[in-house]
Protein backbone atom coordinates (compact mmCIF):
# COMPACT_ATOMS: atom_id res chain seq x y z
CA MET A 1 43.96 32.76 -0.64
CA PRO A 2 44.06 32.23 2.92
CA GLY A 3 41.12 33.39 4.59
CA ALA A 4 40.05 34.27 8.44
CA ASP A 5 40.27 31.90 11.25
CA PRO A 6 37.09 29.74 11.29
CA ALA A 7 37.12 30.03 14.88
CA ALA A 8 37.07 33.57 15.15
CA PHE A 9 34.55 33.40 12.21
CA ARG A 10 32.21 31.75 14.13
CA GLU A 11 32.86 33.65 17.55
CA GLY A 12 32.01 37.37 15.55
CA MET A 13 29.02 35.92 13.92
CA ARG A 14 27.81 35.54 17.21
CA ALA A 15 27.37 38.95 18.13
CA MET A 16 25.53 39.26 15.24
CA PRO A 17 21.43 38.93 16.01
CA GLY A 18 19.17 37.25 14.06
CA ALA A 19 15.48 36.17 13.20
CA VAL A 20 14.95 32.57 14.78
CA ALA A 21 13.28 30.25 12.33
CA ILE A 22 12.19 26.81 12.10
CA ILE A 23 12.77 25.27 8.53
CA ALA A 24 10.57 22.16 7.95
CA THR A 25 9.62 19.89 4.78
CA GLY A 26 8.64 16.58 4.04
CA HIS A 27 5.16 15.27 5.00
CA ALA A 28 3.22 13.27 7.77
CA GLY A 29 5.38 10.62 9.13
CA GLU A 30 8.69 12.16 7.14
CA ARG A 31 9.12 15.38 8.58
CA THR A 32 12.28 16.98 8.76
CA GLY A 33 13.45 20.33 10.15
CA MET A 34 16.27 22.70 12.00
CA THR A 35 16.39 25.90 13.51
CA ALA A 36 18.18 28.61 11.06
CA THR A 37 18.88 32.15 11.32
CA ALA A 38 20.43 31.73 7.79
CA VAL A 39 17.45 33.38 6.22
CA CYS A 40 16.48 35.93 3.88
CA SER A 41 14.04 37.57 1.51
CA LEU A 42 15.09 37.38 -2.28
CA SER A 43 12.42 39.56 -4.25
CA ASP A 44 8.97 40.35 -3.29
CA SER A 45 7.50 40.53 -7.30
CA PRO A 46 7.77 37.12 -6.74
CA PRO A 47 7.51 36.89 -3.04
CA MET A 48 10.71 34.81 -3.04
CA LEU A 49 12.97 33.53 -0.05
CA LEU A 50 16.51 31.82 0.47
CA VAL A 51 17.62 29.39 2.94
CA CYS A 52 20.95 28.64 3.98
CA VAL A 53 21.38 24.67 4.41
CA ASN A 54 24.11 22.55 5.83
CA ALA A 55 24.43 19.66 3.61
CA ALA A 56 25.01 17.43 6.48
CA ALA A 57 21.79 18.76 8.26
CA SER A 58 18.68 15.92 8.27
CA ALA A 59 16.65 18.60 5.87
CA HIS A 60 18.98 18.96 3.30
CA PRO A 61 18.41 16.22 1.70
CA VAL A 62 14.75 16.15 1.66
CA ILE A 63 14.08 19.78 0.91
CA ARG A 64 15.55 18.32 -2.40
CA GLU A 65 13.64 15.41 -2.52
CA HIS A 66 10.20 17.15 -1.90
CA GLY A 67 10.82 20.15 -3.66
CA HIS A 68 9.49 22.14 -0.80
CA PHE A 69 9.79 24.24 2.72
CA ALA A 70 8.08 26.70 4.93
CA VAL A 71 9.86 29.23 7.09
CA ASN A 72 8.52 29.12 10.47
CA LEU A 73 9.52 32.40 12.47
CA LEU A 74 9.66 31.88 15.65
CA ALA A 75 7.77 34.39 18.32
CA GLU A 76 9.13 35.18 21.79
CA GLY A 77 8.55 32.60 24.11
CA GLN A 78 8.66 29.58 21.48
CA ASP A 79 12.36 28.76 22.57
CA GLU A 80 11.69 25.66 23.79
CA ILE A 81 10.90 24.45 20.25
CA ALA A 82 13.90 26.66 19.05
CA ALA A 83 16.10 24.17 20.89
CA ARG A 84 14.28 21.59 20.14
CA PHE A 85 14.96 21.85 16.44
CA ALA A 86 18.24 22.62 17.43
CA GLY A 87 19.05 19.46 18.07
CA ARG A 88 19.22 20.28 21.93
CA GLY A 89 17.28 17.03 23.42
CA GLY A 90 18.69 14.50 20.88
CA LEU A 91 15.45 14.00 19.13
CA LYS A 92 15.58 13.74 15.37
CA GLY A 93 12.93 13.92 11.98
CA GLU A 94 9.18 13.51 13.13
CA ALA A 95 10.22 13.27 16.81
CA ARG A 96 10.68 16.90 16.72
CA PHE A 97 7.44 17.48 15.74
CA GLY A 98 5.71 16.61 18.98
CA LEU A 99 5.85 20.47 20.27
CA GLY A 100 3.89 22.65 18.46
CA ASP A 101 0.74 22.81 16.48
CA TRP A 102 1.66 21.60 13.31
CA ALA A 103 -0.48 22.18 9.56
CA THR A 104 0.20 22.56 5.91
CA LEU A 105 -0.82 25.71 3.28
CA GLU A 106 -0.07 24.63 -0.41
CA THR A 107 2.99 22.56 -0.87
CA GLY A 108 2.12 20.60 2.30
CA ALA A 109 5.47 21.26 4.10
CA PRO A 110 5.07 21.55 7.45
CA VAL A 111 3.52 25.27 9.13
CA LEU A 112 3.56 26.00 12.88
CA ARG A 113 -0.36 27.41 13.99
CA ASP A 114 1.82 29.72 16.12
CA ALA A 115 4.93 31.14 14.50
CA MET A 116 5.01 34.63 14.12
CA VAL A 117 4.68 34.28 10.44
CA SER A 118 5.15 30.90 7.82
CA PHE A 119 6.00 31.38 4.80
CA ASP A 120 5.23 27.99 2.35
CA CYS A 121 8.45 27.69 -0.54
CA ALA A 122 8.19 25.74 -3.15
CA LEU A 123 12.07 24.66 -4.15
CA VAL A 124 12.95 26.66 -7.04
CA ALA A 125 16.72 26.61 -7.06
CA GLU A 126 19.63 25.46 -5.41
CA HIS A 127 22.89 27.14 -5.19
CA VAL A 128 26.12 24.66 -3.78
CA HIS A 129 28.68 26.52 -1.92
CA THR A 130 31.23 25.06 0.42
CA THR A 131 29.45 23.23 2.95
CA HIS A 132 26.07 24.57 2.78
CA SER A 133 23.37 25.10 -0.19
CA ILE A 134 21.27 28.37 -0.85
CA PHE A 135 18.16 26.80 -1.34
CA VAL A 136 15.82 29.39 -3.56
CA GLY A 137 12.18 28.86 -2.83
CA ALA A 138 9.10 30.82 -4.12
CA VAL A 139 6.19 31.56 -1.91
CA GLN A 140 3.59 29.81 -2.09
CA GLY A 141 0.93 30.77 0.93
CA ILE A 142 1.37 32.51 4.07
CA ALA A 143 0.39 32.69 7.44
CA SER A 144 0.64 34.97 9.76
CA ARG A 145 -0.22 36.06 13.89
CA PRO A 146 0.64 39.59 13.66
CA GLY A 147 1.71 42.13 16.74
CA ALA A 148 3.63 39.22 17.97
CA PRO A 149 7.16 39.79 18.97
CA PRO A 150 9.55 37.91 17.52
CA LEU A 151 12.46 35.72 18.73
CA LEU A 152 16.07 36.42 18.75
CA TYR A 153 19.16 34.56 18.77
CA LEU A 154 22.62 36.63 20.27
CA ALA A 155 25.17 34.79 21.53
CA GLY A 156 24.12 31.27 21.61
CA GLU A 157 21.29 32.25 23.72
CA PHE A 158 16.94 32.91 22.55
CA GLY A 159 15.43 36.26 23.56
CA GLY A 160 12.55 38.32 22.53
CA PHE A 161 12.96 42.34 21.36
CA ARG A 162 10.14 44.91 21.84
CA ALA A 163 10.00 48.04 19.72
CA SER A 164 9.64 51.16 21.32
CA ASN A 165 7.15 52.64 19.72
């Protein structure tokens, strides 16, 4: 069954705003991470998230190997770290962690201390579909910075959002 043109699909998806997250994994000295918007809550009892990761991404095999990952939702003003983990500037692996204050929670996955919220996840399932894996994580720990406005991605750009309440 033929589908939509991939270029048209990508262009259409650029119109969908998304929360910006850094998916980080590994241990000090061998950490890696990537910027992502394909993050979703799966369940609140027990707390679980899913992330979609391209098989070609450096984080993909490390998530499998270490069995953990952190979802660090970025706050407005963290454009530079989002760009760094998106590969802009050419840094890879551990070199990307030179920006930001990084720590660990329960699993040892890298969490960004000044993220809007960080979810520390143990990998419980992987579902492979075409070019990506859907990794399911059981949330083991949470760190948050209440009141921080989110960083969003839309039409190839990072920007903020403020509620009108």
